[in-house]
Amino acid sequence: MTWIEIAPWLVRALGAYAALGAAFAVPFLARGIERLDSGAHGSSWGFRLIVFPGVVAFWPLLLRRWIAGAALPIEANAHRRAAQAVRAKEPGR
């Protein structure tokens, strides 16, 4: 197959992915986002409109976390690890 034959299928696949993402985004932004991120509780529809493209792009990951009921992951960066090391060295711990 040539690229000219592959391109329409690729465009259709990306369109289907985006359509599924948009269909997922509506109920997720209405109800699910608050379950995954407590910081989004009571957020305006303006905020939800801003994050809409990201939800459409990452809908499989968000769907999996929404179904699992997962909360935000604990960030593991150098600052957090250093703070934990200092806390572990404190007397009485």
PDB file of N, CA and C in Angstrom:
ATOM      1  N   MET A   1       0.840  -1.186   0.000  1.00  0.00           N
ATOM      2  CA  MET A   1       0.000   0.000   0.000  1.00  0.00           C
ATOM      3  C   MET A   1       0.882   1.245   0.000  1.00  0.00           C
ATOM      4  N   THR A   2       0.416   2.241  -0.671  1.00  0.00           N
ATOM      5  CA  THR A   2       1.141   3.510  -0.703  1.00  0.00           C
ATOM      6  C   THR A   2       0.581   4.444   0.366  1.00  0.00           C
ATOM      7  N   TRP A   3       1.319   5.530   0.599  1.00  0.00           N
ATOM      8  CA  TRP A   3       0.875   6.504   1.596  1.00  0.00           C
ATOM      9  C   TRP A   3      -0.453   7.130   1.211  1.00  0.00           C
ATOM     10  N   ILE A   4      -0.699   7.268  -0.056  1.00  0.00           N
ATOM     11  CA  ILE A   4      -1.967   7.856  -0.509  1.00  0.00           C
ATOM     12  C   ILE A   4      -3.128   6.931  -0.168  1.00  0.00           C
ATOM     13  N   GLU A   5      -2.890   5.649  -0.153  1.00  0.00           N
ATOM     14  CA  GLU A   5      -3.937   4.698   0.232  1.00  0.00           C
ATOM     15  C   GLU A   5      -4.066   4.588   1.751  1.00  0.00           C
ATOM     16  N   ILE A   6      -2.964   4.780   2.463  1.00  0.00           N
ATOM     17  CA  ILE A   6      -2.971   4.654   3.921  1.00  0.00           C
ATOM     18  C   ILE A   6      -3.534   5.906   4.593  1.00  0.00           C
ATOM     19  N   ALA A   7      -3.272   7.070   4.029  1.00  0.00           N
ATOM     20  CA  ALA A   7      -3.648   8.337   4.661  1.00  0.00           C
ATOM     21  C   ALA A   7      -5.134   8.431   5.010  1.00  0.00           C
ATOM     22  N   PRO A   8      -6.068   8.069   4.116  1.00  0.00           N
ATOM     23  CA  PRO A   8      -7.481   8.173   4.505  1.00  0.00           C
ATOM     24  C   PRO A   8      -7.840   7.286   5.694  1.00  0.00           C
ATOM     25  N   TRP A   9      -7.237   6.107   5.771  1.00  0.00           N
ATOM     26  CA  TRP A   9      -7.507   5.217   6.906  1.00  0.00           C
ATOM     27  C   TRP A   9      -6.948   5.798   8.196  1.00  0.00           C
ATOM     28  N   LEU A  10      -5.794   6.403   8.099  1.00  0.00           N
ATOM     29  CA  LEU A  10      -5.196   7.031   9.267  1.00  0.00           C
ATOM     30  C   LEU A  10      -6.053   8.204   9.753  1.00  0.00           C
ATOM     31  N   VAL A  11      -6.534   9.009   8.828  1.00  0.00           N
ATOM     32  CA  VAL A  11      -7.406  10.135   9.188  1.00  0.00           C
ATOM     33  C   VAL A  11      -8.700   9.627   9.809  1.00  0.00           C
ATOM     34  N   ARG A  12      -9.271   8.555   9.266  1.00  0.00           N
ATOM     35  CA  ARG A  12     -10.498   7.980   9.839  1.00  0.00           C
ATOM     36  C   ARG A  12     -10.248   7.447  11.247  1.00  0.00           C
ATOM     37  N   ALA A  13      -9.116   6.778  11.432  1.00  0.00           N
ATOM     38  CA  ALA A  13      -8.795   6.232  12.757  1.00  0.00           C
ATOM     39  C   ALA A  13      -8.613   7.351  13.778  1.00  0.00           C
ATOM     40  N   LEU A  14      -7.912   8.406  13.406  1.00  0.00           N
ATOM     41  CA  LEU A  14      -7.743   9.534  14.318  1.00  0.00           C
ATOM     42  C   LEU A  14      -9.069  10.237  14.587  1.00  0.00           C
ATOM     43  N   GLY A  15      -9.917  10.321  13.572  1.00  0.00           N
ATOM     44  CA  GLY A  15     -11.245  10.906  13.763  1.00  0.00           C
ATOM     45  C   GLY A  15     -12.097  10.079  14.709  1.00  0.00           C
ATOM     46  N   ALA A  16     -12.021   8.755  14.577  1.00  0.00           N
ATOM     47  CA  ALA A  16     -12.776   7.876  15.476  1.00  0.00           C
ATOM     48  C   ALA A  16     -12.256   7.998  16.902  1.00  0.00           C
ATOM     49  N   TYR A  17     -10.942   8.068  17.060  1.00  0.00           N
ATOM     50  CA  TYR A  17     -10.343   8.237  18.385  1.00  0.00           C
ATOM     51  C   TYR A  17     -10.815   9.551  19.014  1.00  0.00           C
ATOM     52  N   ALA A  18     -10.810  10.626  18.231  1.00  0.00           N
ATOM     53  CA  ALA A  18     -11.250  11.928  18.736  1.00  0.00           C
ATOM     54  C   ALA A  18     -12.739  11.922  19.056  1.00  0.00           C
ATOM     55  N   ALA A  19     -13.542  11.250  18.233  1.00  0.00           N
ATOM     56  CA  ALA A  19     -14.981  11.177  18.496  1.00  0.00           C
ATOM     57  C   ALA A  19     -15.259  10.404  19.781  1.00  0.00           C
ATOM     58  N   LEU A  20     -14.561   9.294  19.977  1.00  0.00           N
ATOM     59  CA  LEU A  20     -14.710   8.544  21.227  1.00  0.00           C
ATOM     60  C   LEU A  20     -14.251   9.385  22.414  1.00  0.00           C
ATOM     61  N   GLY A  21     -13.176  10.121  22.234  1.00  0.00           N
ATOM     62  CA  GLY A  21     -12.684  10.992  23.299  1.00  0.00           C
ATOM     63  C   GLY A  21     -13.666  12.091  23.644  1.00  0.00           C
ATOM     64  N   ALA A  22     -14.290  12.688  22.633  1.00  0.00           N
ATOM     65  CA  ALA A  22     -15.285  13.735  22.887  1.00  0.00           C
ATOM     66  C   ALA A  22     -16.517  13.158  23.570  1.00  0.00           C
ATOM     67  N   ALA A  23     -16.929  11.963  23.150  1.00  0.00           N
ATOM     68  CA  ALA A  23     -18.080  11.314  23.790  1.00  0.00           C
ATOM     69  C   ALA A  23     -17.765  10.966  25.244  1.00  0.00           C
ATOM     70  N   PHE A  24     -16.533  10.592  25.534  1.00  0.00           N
ATOM     71  CA  PHE A  24     -16.129  10.301  26.907  1.00  0.00           C
ATOM     72  C   PHE A  24     -16.012  11.580  27.726  1.00  0.00           C
ATOM     73  N   ALA A  25     -15.520  12.647  27.113  1.00  0.00           N
ATOM     74  CA  ALA A  25     -15.227  13.882  27.842  1.00  0.00           C
ATOM     75  C   ALA A  25     -16.467  14.510  28.461  1.00  0.00           C
ATOM     76  N   VAL A  26     -17.605  14.414  27.800  1.00  0.00           N
ATOM     77  CA  VAL A  26     -18.811  15.077  28.319  1.00  0.00           C
ATOM     78  C   VAL A  26     -19.205  14.529  29.693  1.00  0.00           C
ATOM     79  N   PRO A  27     -19.431  13.220  29.861  1.00  0.00           N
ATOM     80  CA  PRO A  27     -19.772  12.750  31.213  1.00  0.00           C
ATOM     81  C   PRO A  27     -18.595  12.835  32.189  1.00  0.00           C
ATOM     82  N   PHE A  28     -17.385  12.683  31.676  1.00  0.00           N
ATOM     83  CA  PHE A  28     -16.234  12.759  32.568  1.00  0.00           C
ATOM     84  C   PHE A  28     -16.097  14.154  33.153  1.00  0.00           C
ATOM     85  N   LEU A  29     -16.244  15.180  32.330  1.00  0.00           N
ATOM     86  CA  LEU A  29     -16.119  16.541  32.833  1.00  0.00           C
ATOM     87  C   LEU A  29     -17.309  16.936  33.699  1.00  0.00           C
ATOM     88  N   ALA A  30     -18.452  16.306  33.475  1.00  0.00           N
ATOM     89  CA  ALA A  30     -19.626  16.612  34.295  1.00  0.00           C
ATOM     90  C   ALA A  30     -19.539  15.957  35.671  1.00  0.00           C
ATOM     91  N   ARG A  31     -19.028  14.711  35.741  1.00  0.00           N
ATOM     92  CA  ARG A  31     -19.043  13.969  37.007  1.00  0.00           C
ATOM     93  C   ARG A  31     -17.700  13.381  37.410  1.00  0.00           C
ATOM     94  N   GLY A  32     -16.964  12.850  36.470  1.00  0.00           N
ATOM     95  CA  GLY A  32     -15.793  12.046  36.812  1.00  0.00           C
ATOM     96  C   GLY A  32     -14.564  12.811  37.239  1.00  0.00           C
ATOM     97  N   ILE A  33     -14.383  14.014  36.746  1.00  0.00           N
ATOM     98  CA  ILE A  33     -13.149  14.747  37.045  1.00  0.00           C
ATOM     99  C   ILE A  33     -13.021  15.035  38.534  1.00  0.00           C
ATOM    100  N   GLU A  34     -14.141  15.279  39.199  1.00  0.00           N
ATOM    101  CA  GLU A  34     -14.103  15.563  40.638  1.00  0.00           C
ATOM    102  C   GLU A  34     -13.724  14.326  41.437  1.00  0.00           C
ATOM    103  N   ARG A  35     -14.025  13.164  40.902  1.00  0.00           N
ATOM    104  CA  ARG A  35     -13.668  11.926  41.586  1.00  0.00           C
ATOM    105  C   ARG A  35     -12.172  11.637  41.502  1.00  0.00           C
ATOM    106  N   LEU A  36     -11.563  12.021  40.391  1.00  0.00           N
ATOM    107  CA  LEU A  36     -10.132  11.764  40.215  1.00  0.00           C
ATOM    108  C   LEU A  36      -9.256  12.867  40.793  1.00  0.00           C
ATOM    109  N   ASP A  37      -9.741  14.098  40.774  1.00  0.00           N
ATOM    110  CA  ASP A  37      -8.931  15.229  41.225  1.00  0.00           C
ATOM    111  C   ASP A  37      -9.768  16.108  42.140  1.00  0.00           C
ATOM    112  N   SER A  38      -9.481  16.063  43.433  1.00  0.00           N
ATOM    113  CA  SER A  38     -10.268  16.845  44.384  1.00  0.00           C
ATOM    114  C   SER A  38     -10.104  18.343  44.146  1.00  0.00           C
ATOM    115  N   GLY A  39      -9.028  18.758  43.521  1.00  0.00           N
ATOM    116  CA  GLY A  39      -8.831  20.166  43.194  1.00  0.00           C
ATOM    117  C   GLY A  39      -9.812  20.673  42.158  1.00  0.00           C
ATOM    118  N   ALA A  40     -10.424  19.777  41.417  1.00  0.00           N
ATOM    119  CA  ALA A  40     -11.404  20.175  40.407  1.00  0.00           C
ATOM    120  C   ALA A  40     -12.808  20.285  40.980  1.00  0.00           C
ATOM    121  N   HIS A  41     -12.970  19.945  42.270  1.00  0.00           N
ATOM    122  CA  HIS A  41     -14.294  20.011  42.898  1.00  0.00           C
ATOM    123  C   HIS A  41     -14.796  21.451  42.882  1.00  0.00           C
ATOM    124  N   GLY A  42     -15.975  21.645  42.340  1.00  0.00           N
ATOM    125  CA  GLY A  42     -16.574  22.971  42.273  1.00  0.00           C
ATOM    126  C   GLY A  42     -15.971  23.873  41.214  1.00  0.00           C
ATOM    127  N   SER A  43     -15.186  23.322  40.313  1.00  0.00           N
ATOM    128  CA  SER A  43     -14.568  24.148  39.274  1.00  0.00           C
ATOM    129  C   SER A  43     -15.617  24.601  38.268  1.00  0.00           C
ATOM    130  N   SER A  44     -15.312  25.699  37.601  1.00  0.00           N
ATOM    131  CA  SER A  44     -16.259  26.280  36.650  1.00  0.00           C
ATOM    132  C   SER A  44     -16.238  25.519  35.327  1.00  0.00           C
ATOM    133  N   TRP A  45     -17.245  25.795  34.527  1.00  0.00           N
ATOM    134  CA  TRP A  45     -17.284  25.188  33.202  1.00  0.00           C
ATOM    135  C   TRP A  45     -16.205  25.778  32.303  1.00  0.00           C
ATOM    136  N   GLY A  46     -15.721  26.969  32.640  1.00  0.00           N
ATOM    137  CA  GLY A  46     -14.598  27.536  31.898  1.00  0.00           C
ATOM    138  C   GLY A  46     -13.354  26.679  32.043  1.00  0.00           C
ATOM    139  N   PHE A  47     -13.078  26.246  33.276  1.00  0.00           N
ATOM    140  CA  PHE A  47     -11.948  25.346  33.519  1.00  0.00           C
ATOM    141  C   PHE A  47     -12.144  24.043  32.761  1.00  0.00           C
ATOM    142  N   ARG A  48     -13.343  23.509  32.838  1.00  0.00           N
ATOM    143  CA  ARG A  48     -13.615  22.231  32.176  1.00  0.00           C
ATOM    144  C   ARG A  48     -13.477  22.359  30.661  1.00  0.00           C
ATOM    145  N   LEU A  49     -13.839  23.522  30.128  1.00  0.00           N
ATOM    146  CA  LEU A  49     -13.670  23.757  28.695  1.00  0.00           C
ATOM    147  C   LEU A  49     -12.186  23.816  28.328  1.00  0.00           C
ATOM    148  N   ILE A  50     -11.382  24.373  29.218  1.00  0.00           N
ATOM    149  CA  ILE A  50      -9.943  24.458  28.963  1.00  0.00           C
ATOM    150  C   ILE A  50      -9.306  23.072  28.949  1.00  0.00           C
ATOM    151  N   VAL A  51      -9.726  22.178  29.857  1.00  0.00           N
ATOM    152  CA  VAL A  51      -9.112  20.850  29.918  1.00  0.00           C
ATOM    153  C   VAL A  51      -9.749  19.864  28.941  1.00  0.00           C
ATOM    154  N   PHE A  52     -10.810  20.271  28.259  1.00  0.00           N
ATOM    155  CA  PHE A  52     -11.503  19.394  27.308  1.00  0.00           C
ATOM    156  C   PHE A  52     -10.557  18.773  26.277  1.00  0.00           C
ATOM    157  N   PRO A  53      -9.683  19.548  25.605  1.00  0.00           N
ATOM    158  CA  PRO A  53      -8.795  18.913  24.612  1.00  0.00           C
ATOM    159  C   PRO A  53      -7.879  17.853  25.220  1.00  0.00           C
ATOM    160  N   GLY A  54      -7.399  18.086  26.426  1.00  0.00           N
ATOM    161  CA  GLY A  54      -6.558  17.092  27.082  1.00  0.00           C
ATOM    162  C   GLY A  54      -7.320  15.828  27.425  1.00  0.00           C
ATOM    163  N   VAL A  55      -8.576  15.988  27.844  1.00  0.00           N
ATOM    164  CA  VAL A  55      -9.408  14.824  28.147  1.00  0.00           C
ATOM    165  C   VAL A  55      -9.669  14.028  26.875  1.00  0.00           C
ATOM    166  N   VAL A  56      -9.927  14.724  25.775  1.00  0.00           N
ATOM    167  CA  VAL A  56     -10.150  14.035  24.497  1.00  0.00           C
ATOM    168  C   VAL A  56      -8.893  13.275  24.088  1.00  0.00           C
ATOM    169  N   ALA A  57      -7.731  13.870  24.284  1.00  0.00           N
ATOM    170  CA  ALA A  57      -6.481  13.223  23.872  1.00  0.00           C
ATOM    171  C   ALA A  57      -6.124  12.030  24.756  1.00  0.00           C
ATOM    172  N   PHE A  58      -6.364  12.138  26.058  1.00  0.00           N
ATOM    173  CA  PHE A  58      -5.930  11.100  26.998  1.00  0.00           C
ATOM    174  C   PHE A  58      -7.088  10.290  27.558  1.00  0.00           C
ATOM    175  N   TRP A  59      -8.179  10.182  26.808  1.00  0.00           N
ATOM    176  CA  TRP A  59      -9.372   9.527  27.340  1.00  0.00           C
ATOM    177  C   TRP A  59      -9.160   8.074  27.749  1.00  0.00           C
ATOM    178  N   PRO A  60      -8.336   7.263  27.070  1.00  0.00           N
ATOM    179  CA  PRO A  60      -8.188   5.881  27.556  1.00  0.00           C
ATOM    180  C   PRO A  60      -7.558   5.808  28.952  1.00  0.00           C
ATOM    181  N   LEU A  61      -6.577   6.664  29.212  1.00  0.00           N
ATOM    182  CA  LEU A  61      -5.932   6.672  30.527  1.00  0.00           C
ATOM    183  C   LEU A  61      -6.897   7.152  31.606  1.00  0.00           C
ATOM    184  N   LEU A  62      -7.637   8.213  31.298  1.00  0.00           N
ATOM    185  CA  LEU A  62      -8.586   8.753  32.269  1.00  0.00           C
ATOM    186  C   LEU A  62      -9.735   7.786  32.517  1.00  0.00           C
ATOM    187  N   LEU A  63     -10.181   7.100  31.488  1.00  0.00           N
ATOM    188  CA  LEU A  63     -11.249   6.115  31.659  1.00  0.00           C
ATOM    189  C   LEU A  63     -10.794   4.992  32.588  1.00  0.00           C
ATOM    190  N   ARG A  64      -9.584   4.521  32.389  1.00  0.00           N
ATOM    191  CA  ARG A  64      -9.064   3.448  33.242  1.00  0.00           C
ATOM    192  C   ARG A  64      -8.973   3.897  34.701  1.00  0.00           C
ATOM    193  N   ARG A  65      -8.484   5.127  34.924  1.00  0.00           N
ATOM    194  CA  ARG A  65      -8.395   5.634  36.297  1.00  0.00           C
ATOM    195  C   ARG A  65      -9.773   5.881  36.888  1.00  0.00           C
ATOM    196  N   TRP A  66     -10.722   6.333  36.079  1.00  0.00           N
ATOM    197  CA  TRP A  66     -12.078   6.594  36.564  1.00  0.00           C
ATOM    198  C   TRP A  66     -12.745   5.282  36.975  1.00  0.00           C
ATOM    199  N   ILE A  67     -12.599   4.250  36.165  1.00  0.00           N
ATOM    200  CA  ILE A  67     -13.196   2.947  36.485  1.00  0.00           C
ATOM    201  C   ILE A  67     -12.553   2.366  37.743  1.00  0.00           C
ATOM    202  N   ALA A  68     -11.239   2.504  37.862  1.00  0.00           N
ATOM    203  CA  ALA A  68     -10.533   1.966  39.029  1.00  0.00           C
ATOM    204  C   ALA A  68     -10.779   2.796  40.282  1.00  0.00           C
ATOM    205  N   GLY A  69     -11.287   4.006  40.108  1.00  0.00           N
ATOM    206  CA  GLY A  69     -11.504   4.876  41.258  1.00  0.00           C
ATOM    207  C   GLY A  69     -10.204   5.389  41.846  1.00  0.00           C
ATOM    208  N   ALA A  70      -9.187   5.497  41.015  1.00  0.00           N
ATOM    209  CA  ALA A  70      -7.863   5.902  41.488  1.00  0.00           C
ATOM    210  C   ALA A  70      -7.833   7.390  41.799  1.00  0.00           C
ATOM    211  N   ALA A  71      -7.123   7.731  42.866  1.00  0.00           N
ATOM    212  CA  ALA A  71      -6.901   9.127  43.215  1.00  0.00           C
ATOM    213  C   ALA A  71      -5.637   9.607  42.507  1.00  0.00           C
ATOM    214  N   LEU A  72      -5.281  10.849  42.764  1.00  0.00           N
ATOM    215  CA  LEU A  72      -4.063  11.379  42.162  1.00  0.00           C
ATOM    216  C   LEU A  72      -2.855  10.584  42.648  1.00  0.00           C
ATOM    217  N   PRO A  73      -1.917  10.278  41.767  1.00  0.00           N
ATOM    218  CA  PRO A  73      -0.718   9.565  42.209  1.00  0.00           C
ATOM    219  C   PRO A  73       0.165  10.484  43.055  1.00  0.00           C
ATOM    220  N   ILE A  74       0.900   9.894  43.979  1.00  0.00           N
ATOM    221  CA  ILE A  74       1.833  10.672  44.790  1.00  0.00           C
ATOM    222  C   ILE A  74       3.040  10.994  43.923  1.00  0.00           C
ATOM    223  N   GLU A  75       3.353  12.266  43.855  1.00  0.00           N
ATOM    224  CA  GLU A  75       4.458  12.709  43.022  1.00  0.00           C
ATOM    225  C   GLU A  75       5.778  12.230  43.625  1.00  0.00           C
ATOM    226  N   ALA A  76       6.657  11.715  42.805  1.00  0.00           N
ATOM    227  CA  ALA A  76       7.965  11.238  43.263  1.00  0.00           C
ATOM    228  C   ALA A  76       9.048  12.040  42.558  1.00  0.00           C
ATOM    229  N   ASN A  77       9.397  13.193  43.139  1.00  0.00           N
ATOM    230  CA  ASN A  77      10.448  14.008  42.549  1.00  0.00           C
ATOM    231  C   ASN A  77      11.594  14.161  43.546  1.00  0.00           C
ATOM    232  N   ALA A  78      12.649  14.825  43.151  1.00  0.00           N
ATOM    233  CA  ALA A  78      13.839  14.954  43.992  1.00  0.00           C
ATOM    234  C   ALA A  78      13.526  15.700  45.286  1.00  0.00           C
ATOM    235  N   HIS A  79      12.687  16.714  45.223  1.00  0.00           N
ATOM    236  CA  HIS A  79      12.351  17.481  46.418  1.00  0.00           C
ATOM    237  C   HIS A  79      11.614  16.618  47.435  1.00  0.00           C
ATOM    238  N   ARG A  80      10.656  15.836  46.993  1.00  0.00           N
ATOM    239  CA  ARG A  80       9.897  14.974  47.910  1.00  0.00           C
ATOM    240  C   ARG A  80      10.810  13.910  48.528  1.00  0.00           C
ATOM    241  N   ARG A  81      11.695  13.329  47.723  1.00  0.00           N
ATOM    242  CA  ARG A  81      12.607  12.318  48.257  1.00  0.00           C
ATOM    243  C   ARG A  81      13.560  12.923  49.289  1.00  0.00           C
ATOM    244  N   ALA A  82      14.055  14.143  49.036  1.00  0.00           N
ATOM    245  CA  ALA A  82      14.946  14.803  49.991  1.00  0.00           C
ATOM    246  C   ALA A  82      14.205  15.111  51.289  1.00  0.00           C
ATOM    247  N   ALA A  83      12.967  15.560  51.196  1.00  0.00           N
ATOM    248  CA  ALA A  83      12.184  15.853  52.396  1.00  0.00           C
ATOM    249  C   ALA A  83      11.924  14.580  53.190  1.00  0.00           C
ATOM    250  N   GLN A  84      11.669  13.486  52.518  1.00  0.00           N
ATOM    251  CA  GLN A  84      11.445  12.223  53.216  1.00  0.00           C
ATOM    252  C   GLN A  84      12.725  11.739  53.890  1.00  0.00           C
ATOM    253  N   ALA A  85      13.873  11.964  53.258  1.00  0.00           N
ATOM    254  CA  ALA A  85      15.141  11.562  53.857  1.00  0.00           C
ATOM    255  C   ALA A  85      15.423  12.380  55.112  1.00  0.00           C
ATOM    256  N   VAL A  86      15.141  13.678  55.073  1.00  0.00           N
ATOM    257  CA  VAL A  86      15.341  14.536  56.244  1.00  0.00           C
ATOM    258  C   VAL A  86      14.398  14.108  57.357  1.00  0.00           C
ATOM    259  N   ARG A  87      13.160  13.840  57.015  1.00  0.00           N
ATOM    260  CA  ARG A  87      12.165  13.426  58.001  1.00  0.00           C
ATOM    261  C   ARG A  87      12.570  12.101  58.650  1.00  0.00           C
ATOM    262  N   ALA A  88      13.161  11.199  57.884  1.00  0.00           N
ATOM    263  CA  ALA A  88      13.570   9.900  58.420  1.00  0.00           C
ATOM    264  C   ALA A  88      14.731  10.037  59.404  1.00  0.00           C
ATOM    265  N   LYS A  89      15.551  11.082  59.248  1.00  0.00           N
ATOM    266  CA  LYS A  89      16.699  11.288  60.132  1.00  0.00           C
ATOM    267  C   LYS A  89      16.322  12.013  61.422  1.00  0.00           C
ATOM    268  N   GLU A  90      15.098  12.535  61.514  1.00  0.00           N
ATOM    269  CA  GLU A  90      14.679  13.260  62.713  1.00  0.00           C
ATOM    270  C   GLU A  90      14.647  12.319  63.907  1.00  0.00           C
ATOM    271  N   PRO A  91      15.066  12.819  65.082  1.00  0.00           N
ATOM    272  CA  PRO A  91      15.010  11.972  66.275  1.00  0.00           C
ATOM    273  C   PRO A  91      13.562  11.637  66.636  1.00  0.00           C
ATOM    274  N   GLY A  92      13.376  10.450  67.128  1.00  0.00           N
ATOM    275  CA  GLY A  92      12.044  10.022  67.535  1.00  0.00           C
ATOM    276  C   GLY A  92      11.235   9.393  66.420  1.00  0.00           C
ATOM    277  N   ARG A  93      11.833   9.177  65.285  1.00  0.00           N
ATOM    278  CA  ARG A  93      11.104   8.553  64.167  1.00  0.00           C
ATOM    279  C   ARG A  93      11.591   7.162  63.961  1.00  0.00           C
TER     280      ARG A  93
END
